PDB file of N, CA and C in Angstrom:
ATOM      1  N   MET A   1      26.302   9.633 -17.368  1.00  0.00           N
ATOM      2  CA  MET A   1      24.857  10.251 -17.776  1.00  0.00           C
ATOM      3  C   MET A   1      25.159  11.218 -16.630  1.00  0.00           C
ATOM      4  N   ASN A   2      24.180  12.414 -17.599  1.00  0.00           N
ATOM      5  CA  ASN A   2      24.382  13.533 -16.775  1.00  0.00           C
ATOM      6  C   ASN A   2      23.850  13.562 -15.609  1.00  0.00           C
ATOM      7  N   GLN A   3      24.132  14.214 -14.093  1.00  0.00           N
ATOM      8  CA  GLN A   3      23.472  13.607 -13.010  1.00  0.00           C
ATOM      9  C   GLN A   3      21.921  14.617 -12.518  1.00  0.00           C
ATOM     10  N   TYR A   4      22.146  15.730 -13.272  1.00  0.00           N
ATOM     11  CA  TYR A   4      20.129  15.919 -13.131  1.00  0.00           C
ATOM     12  C   TYR A   4      19.591  14.848 -14.053  1.00  0.00           C
ATOM     13  N   PHE A   5      19.859  14.410 -14.510  1.00  0.00           N
ATOM     14  CA  PHE A   5      18.626  13.481 -15.730  1.00  0.00           C
ATOM     15  C   PHE A   5      18.521  12.062 -14.414  1.00  0.00           C
ATOM     16  N   VAL A   6      19.188  11.419 -13.895  1.00  0.00           N
ATOM     17  CA  VAL A   6      19.500  11.120 -13.061  1.00  0.00           C
ATOM     18  C   VAL A   6      19.019  10.704 -12.399  1.00  0.00           C
ATOM     19  N   LEU A   7      18.875  11.983 -11.396  1.00  0.00           N
ATOM     20  CA  LEU A   7      18.149  12.830  -9.962  1.00  0.00           C
ATOM     21  C   LEU A   7      16.693  12.729 -10.432  1.00  0.00           C
ATOM     22  N   GLY A   8      15.905  13.698 -11.621  1.00  0.00           N
ATOM     23  CA  GLY A   8      14.937  13.166 -12.016  1.00  0.00           C
ATOM     24  C   GLY A   8      14.357  12.153 -11.861  1.00  0.00           C
ATOM     25  N   MET A   9      14.600  11.226 -12.600  1.00  0.00           N
ATOM     26  CA  MET A   9      14.472  10.332 -13.034  1.00  0.00           C
ATOM     27  C   MET A   9      13.971   9.623 -11.876  1.00  0.00           C
ATOM     28  N   SER A  10      14.937   9.135 -10.522  1.00  0.00           N
ATOM     29  CA  SER A  10      14.616   8.604  -9.775  1.00  0.00           C
ATOM     30  C   SER A  10      13.951   9.259  -9.132  1.00  0.00           C
ATOM     31  N   ALA A  11      13.701  10.933  -8.817  1.00  0.00           N
ATOM     32  CA  ALA A  11      12.209  11.787  -8.349  1.00  0.00           C
ATOM     33  C   ALA A  11      10.974  10.848  -9.274  1.00  0.00           C
ATOM     34  N   LEU A  12      10.755  10.772 -10.678  1.00  0.00           N
ATOM     35  CA  LEU A  12      10.109  10.612 -10.590  1.00  0.00           C
ATOM     36  C   LEU A  12       9.417   9.156 -10.387  1.00  0.00           C
ATOM     37  N   ALA A  13      10.645   8.137 -10.380  1.00  0.00           N
ATOM     38  CA  ALA A  13      10.373   6.719  -9.722  1.00  0.00           C
ATOM     39  C   ALA A  13       9.956   6.790  -8.749  1.00  0.00           C
ATOM     40  N   ALA A  14      10.604   7.970  -7.673  1.00  0.00           N
ATOM     41  CA  ALA A  14      10.053   7.434  -6.206  1.00  0.00           C
ATOM     42  C   ALA A  14       7.644   8.182  -6.158  1.00  0.00           C
ATOM     43  N   GLY A  15       8.028   9.375  -7.289  1.00  0.00           N
ATOM     44  CA  GLY A  15       6.888   9.030  -7.203  1.00  0.00           C
ATOM     45  C   GLY A  15       5.941   8.160  -7.560  1.00  0.00           C
ATOM     46  N   PHE A  16       6.091   7.441  -8.756  1.00  0.00           N
ATOM     47  CA  PHE A  16       5.568   6.217  -8.862  1.00  0.00           C
ATOM     48  C   PHE A  16       4.957   5.075  -7.927  1.00  0.00           C
ATOM     49  N   ALA A  17       6.482   4.579  -7.196  1.00  0.00           N
ATOM     50  CA  ALA A  17       6.790   3.798  -6.379  1.00  0.00           C
ATOM     51  C   ALA A  17       5.559   4.375  -4.952  1.00  0.00           C
ATOM     52  N   VAL A  18       4.845   5.403  -4.793  1.00  0.00           N
ATOM     53  CA  VAL A  18       4.250   6.359  -3.520  1.00  0.00           C
ATOM     54  C   VAL A  18       3.102   6.016  -4.284  1.00  0.00           C
ATOM     55  N   PHE A  19       2.467   4.954  -5.526  1.00  0.00           N
ATOM     56  CA  PHE A  19       1.116   5.012  -5.599  1.00  0.00           C
ATOM     57  C   PHE A  19       0.565   3.699  -5.501  1.00  0.00           C
ATOM     58  N   THR A  20       1.504   2.810  -4.826  1.00  0.00           N
ATOM     59  CA  THR A  20       1.168   1.734  -4.250  1.00  0.00           C
ATOM     60  C   THR A  20       0.482   2.523  -2.862  1.00  0.00           C
ATOM     61  N   GLY A  21       0.346   3.345  -2.356  1.00  0.00           N
ATOM     62  CA  GLY A  21      -0.256   3.650  -0.826  1.00  0.00           C
ATOM     63  C   GLY A  21      -1.194   4.040  -1.576  1.00  0.00           C
ATOM     64  N   ILE A  22      -1.666   4.400  -3.189  1.00  0.00           N
ATOM     65  CA  ILE A  22      -3.468   4.352  -3.075  1.00  0.00           C
ATOM     66  C   ILE A  22      -4.039   3.354  -3.214  1.00  0.00           C
ATOM     67  N   GLY A  23      -3.483   2.017  -4.089  1.00  0.00           N
ATOM     68  CA  GLY A  23      -3.968   0.786  -4.104  1.00  0.00           C
ATOM     69  C   GLY A  23      -4.115   0.112  -2.985  1.00  0.00           C
ATOM     70  N   ALA A  24      -3.491   0.256  -1.800  1.00  0.00           N
ATOM     71  CA  ALA A  24      -3.514  -0.623  -0.974  1.00  0.00           C
ATOM     72  C   ALA A  24      -4.768   0.555   0.314  1.00  0.00           C
ATOM     73  N   GLY A  25      -4.537   1.447  -0.084  1.00  0.00           N
ATOM     74  CA  GLY A  25      -5.928   2.336   0.646  1.00  0.00           C
ATOM     75  C   GLY A  25      -7.387   1.943  -0.207  1.00  0.00           C
ATOM     76  N   ILE A  26      -7.498   2.074  -1.735  1.00  0.00           N
ATOM     77  CA  ILE A  26      -8.228   1.777  -2.285  1.00  0.00           C
ATOM     78  C   ILE A  26      -8.824  -0.168  -1.924  1.00  0.00           C
ATOM     79  N   GLY A  27      -7.865  -0.937  -1.703  1.00  0.00           N
ATOM     80  CA  GLY A  27      -7.731  -2.417  -1.266  1.00  0.00           C
ATOM     81  C   GLY A  27      -8.319  -2.684  -0.221  1.00  0.00           C
ATOM     82  N   ILE A  28      -8.108  -1.456   1.405  1.00  0.00           N
ATOM     83  CA  ILE A  28      -8.868  -1.973   2.243  1.00  0.00           C
ATOM     84  C   ILE A  28     -10.008  -1.741   2.182  1.00  0.00           C
ATOM     85  N   GLY A  29     -10.242  -0.478   1.389  1.00  0.00           N
ATOM     86  CA  GLY A  29     -11.701  -0.073   1.820  1.00  0.00           C
ATOM     87  C   GLY A  29     -12.340  -1.074   0.957  1.00  0.00           C
ATOM     88  N   ASN A  30     -12.182  -1.358   0.405  1.00  0.00           N
ATOM     89  CA  ASN A  30     -13.149  -2.713  -0.547  1.00  0.00           C
ATOM     90  C   ASN A  30     -12.885  -3.309   0.344  1.00  0.00           C
ATOM     91  N   ALA A  31     -11.924  -4.089   1.175  1.00  0.00           N
ATOM     92  CA  ALA A  31     -11.853  -5.254   1.812  1.00  0.00           C
ATOM     93  C   ALA A  31     -12.972  -4.777   3.136  1.00  0.00           C
ATOM     94  N   THR A  32     -13.166  -4.285   3.942  1.00  0.00           N
ATOM     95  CA  THR A  32     -13.535  -2.951   5.057  1.00  0.00           C
ATOM     96  C   THR A  32     -15.342  -3.378   4.549  1.00  0.00           C
ATOM     97  N   GLY A  33     -15.157  -2.724   3.067  1.00  0.00           N
ATOM     98  CA  GLY A  33     -16.619  -2.504   3.039  1.00  0.00           C
ATOM     99  C   GLY A  33     -17.434  -4.325   3.063  1.00  0.00           C
ATOM    100  N   LYS A  34     -16.685  -4.859   1.930  1.00  0.00           N
ATOM    101  CA  LYS A  34     -17.289  -6.645   2.193  1.00  0.00           C
ATOM    102  C   LYS A  34     -17.617  -6.890   3.542  1.00  0.00           C
ATOM    103  N   ALA A  35     -16.486  -6.917   4.548  1.00  0.00           N
ATOM    104  CA  ALA A  35     -16.234  -7.313   5.806  1.00  0.00           C
ATOM    105  C   ALA A  35     -17.499  -6.962   6.952  1.00  0.00           C
ATOM    106  N   VAL A  36     -17.903  -5.651   6.160  1.00  0.00           N
ATOM    107  CA  VAL A  36     -19.011  -5.434   6.918  1.00  0.00           C
ATOM    108  C   VAL A  36     -20.572  -5.676   6.185  1.00  0.00           C
ATOM    109  N   GLU A  37     -20.635  -5.923   5.032  1.00  0.00           N
ATOM    110  CA  GLU A  37     -21.574  -6.454   4.557  1.00  0.00           C
ATOM    111  C   GLU A  37     -21.882  -8.147   5.378  1.00  0.00           C
ATOM    112  N   GLY A  38     -20.199  -8.934   4.661  1.00  0.00           N
ATOM    113  CA  GLY A  38     -20.268 -10.193   5.534  1.00  0.00           C
ATOM    114  C   GLY A  38     -21.061 -10.544   6.963  1.00  0.00           C
ATOM    115  N   ILE A  39     -20.665  -9.503   7.819  1.00  0.00           N
ATOM    116  CA  ILE A  39     -20.687  -9.115   9.316  1.00  0.00           C
ATOM    117  C   ILE A  39     -22.375  -8.636   9.439  1.00  0.00           C
ATOM    118  N   SER A  40     -22.705  -8.155   8.459  1.00  0.00           N
ATOM    119  CA  SER A  40     -24.432  -7.629   8.890  1.00  0.00           C
ATOM    120  C   SER A  40     -24.965  -9.072   8.341  1.00  0.00           C
ATOM    121  N   ARG A  41     -24.864  -9.562   7.290  1.00  0.00           N
ATOM    122  CA  ARG A  41     -25.990 -11.260   7.124  1.00  0.00           C
ATOM    123  C   ARG A  41     -25.329 -12.384   7.826  1.00  0.00           C
ATOM    124  N   GLN A  42     -24.002 -12.561   8.109  1.00  0.00           N
ATOM    125  CA  GLN A  42     -24.006 -13.285   9.044  1.00  0.00           C
ATOM    126  C   GLN A  42     -23.788 -12.632  10.918  1.00  0.00           C
ATOM    127  N   PRO A  43     -23.955 -12.295  11.278  1.00  0.00           N
ATOM    128  CA  PRO A  43     -23.105 -11.601  12.750  1.00  0.00           C
ATOM    129  C   PRO A  43     -22.451 -13.165  13.084  1.00  0.00           C
ATOM    130  N   GLU A  44     -23.169 -14.581  13.423  1.00  0.00           N
ATOM    131  CA  GLU A  44     -22.283 -15.358  13.986  1.00  0.00           C
ATOM    132  C   GLU A  44     -21.117 -15.323  13.601  1.00  0.00           C
ATOM    133  N   ALA A  45     -20.624 -15.345  12.212  1.00  0.00           N
ATOM    134  CA  ALA A  45     -19.403 -15.052  11.538  1.00  0.00           C
ATOM    135  C   ALA A  45     -18.504 -14.020  11.895  1.00  0.00           C
ATOM    136  N   SER A  46     -18.677 -13.143  12.528  1.00  0.00           N
ATOM    137  CA  SER A  46     -17.966 -11.557  12.916  1.00  0.00           C
ATOM    138  C   SER A  46     -16.546 -11.851  13.373  1.00  0.00           C
ATOM    139  N   GLY A  47     -16.226 -13.236  14.111  1.00  0.00           N
ATOM    140  CA  GLY A  47     -14.673 -13.564  14.618  1.00  0.00           C
ATOM    141  C   GLY A  47     -14.434 -14.145  13.297  1.00  0.00           C
ATOM    142  N   LYS A  48     -14.454 -14.400  12.364  1.00  0.00           N
ATOM    143  CA  LYS A  48     -13.403 -15.474  11.243  1.00  0.00           C
ATOM    144  C   LYS A  48     -13.258 -14.221  10.178  1.00  0.00           C
ATOM    145  N   ILE A  49     -14.158 -13.374  10.193  1.00  0.00           N
ATOM    146  CA  ILE A  49     -14.857 -12.218   9.038  1.00  0.00           C
ATOM    147  C   ILE A  49     -13.987 -11.711   9.618  1.00  0.00           C
ATOM    148  N   THR A  50     -13.637 -10.752  11.114  1.00  0.00           N
ATOM    149  CA  THR A  50     -12.733 -10.034  11.353  1.00  0.00           C
ATOM    150  C   THR A  50     -11.128  -9.904  11.120  1.00  0.00           C
ATOM    151  N   SER A  51     -11.108 -11.441  11.343  1.00  0.00           N
ATOM    152  CA  SER A  51      -9.630 -12.083  11.468  1.00  0.00           C
ATOM    153  C   SER A  51      -8.751 -12.215   9.909  1.00  0.00           C
ATOM    154  N   ALA A  52     -10.110 -12.432   8.790  1.00  0.00           N
ATOM    155  CA  ALA A  52      -9.016 -12.631   7.974  1.00  0.00           C
ATOM    156  C   ALA A  52      -9.273 -11.356   7.475  1.00  0.00           C
ATOM    157  N   LEU A  53     -10.505 -10.003   7.770  1.00  0.00           N
ATOM    158  CA  LEU A  53     -10.014  -8.680   7.443  1.00  0.00           C
ATOM    159  C   LEU A  53      -8.657  -8.357   8.112  1.00  0.00           C
ATOM    160  N   ILE A  54      -8.585  -8.697   8.915  1.00  0.00           N
ATOM    161  CA  ILE A  54      -7.153  -7.377  10.172  1.00  0.00           C
ATOM    162  C   ILE A  54      -5.560  -8.754   9.110  1.00  0.00           C
ATOM    163  N   ILE A  55      -5.924  -9.675   8.650  1.00  0.00           N
ATOM    164  CA  ILE A  55      -4.808 -10.362   7.984  1.00  0.00           C
ATOM    165  C   ILE A  55      -4.679  -9.462   6.492  1.00  0.00           C
ATOM    166  N   GLY A  56      -5.981 -10.127   6.176  1.00  0.00           N
ATOM    167  CA  GLY A  56      -5.880  -9.184   4.268  1.00  0.00           C
ATOM    168  C   GLY A  56      -5.530  -7.549   4.701  1.00  0.00           C
ATOM    169  N   ALA A  57      -5.517  -6.808   5.481  1.00  0.00           N
ATOM    170  CA  ALA A  57      -5.037  -5.560   5.570  1.00  0.00           C
ATOM    171  C   ALA A  57      -3.957  -5.133   6.363  1.00  0.00           C
ATOM    172  N   GLY A  58      -3.486  -6.374   6.774  1.00  0.00           N
ATOM    173  CA  GLY A  58      -2.113  -5.650   6.643  1.00  0.00           C
ATOM    174  C   GLY A  58      -1.045  -5.778   5.742  1.00  0.00           C
ATOM    175  N   PHE A  59      -1.308  -7.384   4.741  1.00  0.00           N
ATOM    176  CA  PHE A  59      -0.249  -7.477   3.361  1.00  0.00           C
ATOM    177  C   PHE A  59      -0.642  -6.251   2.856  1.00  0.00           C
ATOM    178  N   ALA A  60      -2.091  -5.723   3.024  1.00  0.00           N
ATOM    179  CA  ALA A  60      -1.991  -4.790   2.460  1.00  0.00           C
ATOM    180  C   ALA A  60      -1.236  -3.382   2.704  1.00  0.00           C
ATOM    181  N   GLU A  61      -1.270  -3.106   3.750  1.00  0.00           N
ATOM    182  CA  GLU A  61      -0.155  -2.038   4.363  1.00  0.00           C
ATOM    183  C   GLU A  61       1.089  -2.333   4.278  1.00  0.00           C
ATOM    184  N   ALA A  62       1.389  -3.623   3.622  1.00  0.00           N
ATOM    185  CA  ALA A  62       3.129  -4.066   3.966  1.00  0.00           C
ATOM    186  C   ALA A  62       3.588  -3.711   2.106  1.00  0.00           C
ATOM    187  N   THR A  63       2.560  -3.671   1.320  1.00  0.00           N
ATOM    188  CA  THR A  63       2.648  -3.572   0.412  1.00  0.00           C
ATOM    189  C   THR A  63       3.230  -1.881   0.273  1.00  0.00           C
ATOM    190  N   ALA A  64       1.933  -1.379   0.718  1.00  0.00           N
ATOM    191  CA  ALA A  64       2.349   0.294   0.909  1.00  0.00           C
ATOM    192  C   ALA A  64       3.618   0.572   1.749  1.00  0.00           C
ATOM    193  N   ILE A  65       3.949  -0.120   2.496  1.00  0.00           N
ATOM    194  CA  ILE A  65       5.281   0.505   3.535  1.00  0.00           C
ATOM    195  C   ILE A  65       6.543   0.143   2.618  1.00  0.00           C
ATOM    196  N   TYR A  66       6.219  -1.053   1.534  1.00  0.00           N
ATOM    197  CA  TYR A  66       7.448  -1.486   0.219  1.00  0.00           C
ATOM    198  C   TYR A  66       7.360  -0.377  -0.313  1.00  0.00           C
ATOM    199  N   GLY A  67       6.499  -0.037  -0.630  1.00  0.00           N
ATOM    200  CA  GLY A  67       6.433   1.329  -1.553  1.00  0.00           C
ATOM    201  C   GLY A  67       7.112   2.565  -1.292  1.00  0.00           C
ATOM    202  N   LEU A  68       6.806   2.962   0.249  1.00  0.00           N
ATOM    203  CA  LEU A  68       7.151   3.985   0.559  1.00  0.00           C
ATOM    204  C   LEU A  68       8.876   4.270   0.614  1.00  0.00           C
ATOM    205  N   LEU A  69       8.961   2.620   1.377  1.00  0.00           N
ATOM    206  CA  LEU A  69      10.721   2.218   1.526  1.00  0.00           C
ATOM    207  C   LEU A  69      11.208   2.987  -0.024  1.00  0.00           C
ATOM    208  N   VAL A  70      10.660   2.317  -1.406  1.00  0.00           N
ATOM    209  CA  VAL A  70      11.300   1.748  -2.402  1.00  0.00           C
ATOM    210  C   VAL A  70      11.401   3.966  -2.340  1.00  0.00           C
ATOM    211  N   ALA A  71      10.114   4.030  -2.516  1.00  0.00           N
ATOM    212  CA  ALA A  71      10.452   5.389  -3.276  1.00  0.00           C
ATOM    213  C   ALA A  71      11.673   6.557  -1.864  1.00  0.00           C
ATOM    214  N   ILE A  72      11.683   6.271  -0.842  1.00  0.00           N
ATOM    215  CA  ILE A  72      12.858   6.715  -0.369  1.00  0.00           C
ATOM    216  C   ILE A  72      14.626   6.487  -0.769  1.00  0.00           C
ATOM    217  N   LEU A  73      14.593   5.316  -0.457  1.00  0.00           N
ATOM    218  CA  LEU A  73      15.683   4.735  -1.313  1.00  0.00           C
ATOM    219  C   LEU A  73      16.282   5.364  -2.718  1.00  0.00           C
ATOM    220  N   LEU A  74      14.948   5.640  -3.516  1.00  0.00           N
ATOM    221  CA  LEU A  74      15.195   5.774  -4.873  1.00  0.00           C
ATOM    222  C   LEU A  74      15.872   7.786  -4.477  1.00  0.00           C
ATOM    223  N   ILE A  75      15.074   8.512  -3.731  1.00  0.00           N
ATOM    224  CA  ILE A  75      15.513  10.081  -3.328  1.00  0.00           C
ATOM    225  C   ILE A  75      17.234   9.834  -2.773  1.00  0.00           C
ATOM    226  N   PHE A  76      17.305   8.936  -1.479  1.00  0.00           N
ATOM    227  CA  PHE A  76      18.455   9.308  -0.705  1.00  0.00           C
ATOM    228  C   PHE A  76      19.593   8.770  -1.602  1.00  0.00           C
ATOM    229  N   VAL A  77      19.020   7.679  -2.750  1.00  0.00           N
ATOM    230  CA  VAL A  77      20.205   6.904  -3.535  1.00  0.00           C
ATOM    231  C   VAL A  77      20.394   7.917  -4.514  1.00  0.00           C
ATOM    232  N   GLY A  78      19.681   8.512  -5.319  1.00  0.00           N
ATOM    233  CA  GLY A  78      20.161   9.189  -6.039  1.00  0.00           C
ATOM    234  C   GLY A  78      20.342  10.813  -5.907  1.00  0.00           C
ATOM    235  N   LEU A  79      20.737  11.080  -4.894  1.00  0.00           N
ATOM    236  CA  LEU A  79      21.233  12.192  -4.477  1.00  0.00           C
ATOM    237  C   LEU A  79      22.959  12.231  -4.416  1.00  0.00           C
ATOM    238  N   LYS A  80      23.435  10.950  -4.447  1.00  0.00           N
ATOM    239  CA  LYS A  80      24.898  10.843  -4.376  1.00  0.00           C
ATOM    240  C   LYS A  80      25.373  10.942  -5.754  1.00  0.00           C
TER     241      LYS A  80
END
């Protein structure tokens, strides 16, 4: 195969892999909004809501980090 084709396709795939960061940002934003609503309705449950929010945000950020890792690997492995 043409090396420029492979390099172009790996750059395109890396661009798609970075979209996981956008999804994680939207997901964390929605979760934070719902957590604020829940705390405003039941202030006595703020500890449980906050801990669940932090765990969920951690999982969402993990997917964004995995997407970034895949993008970096595609770029640097595609250069060989």
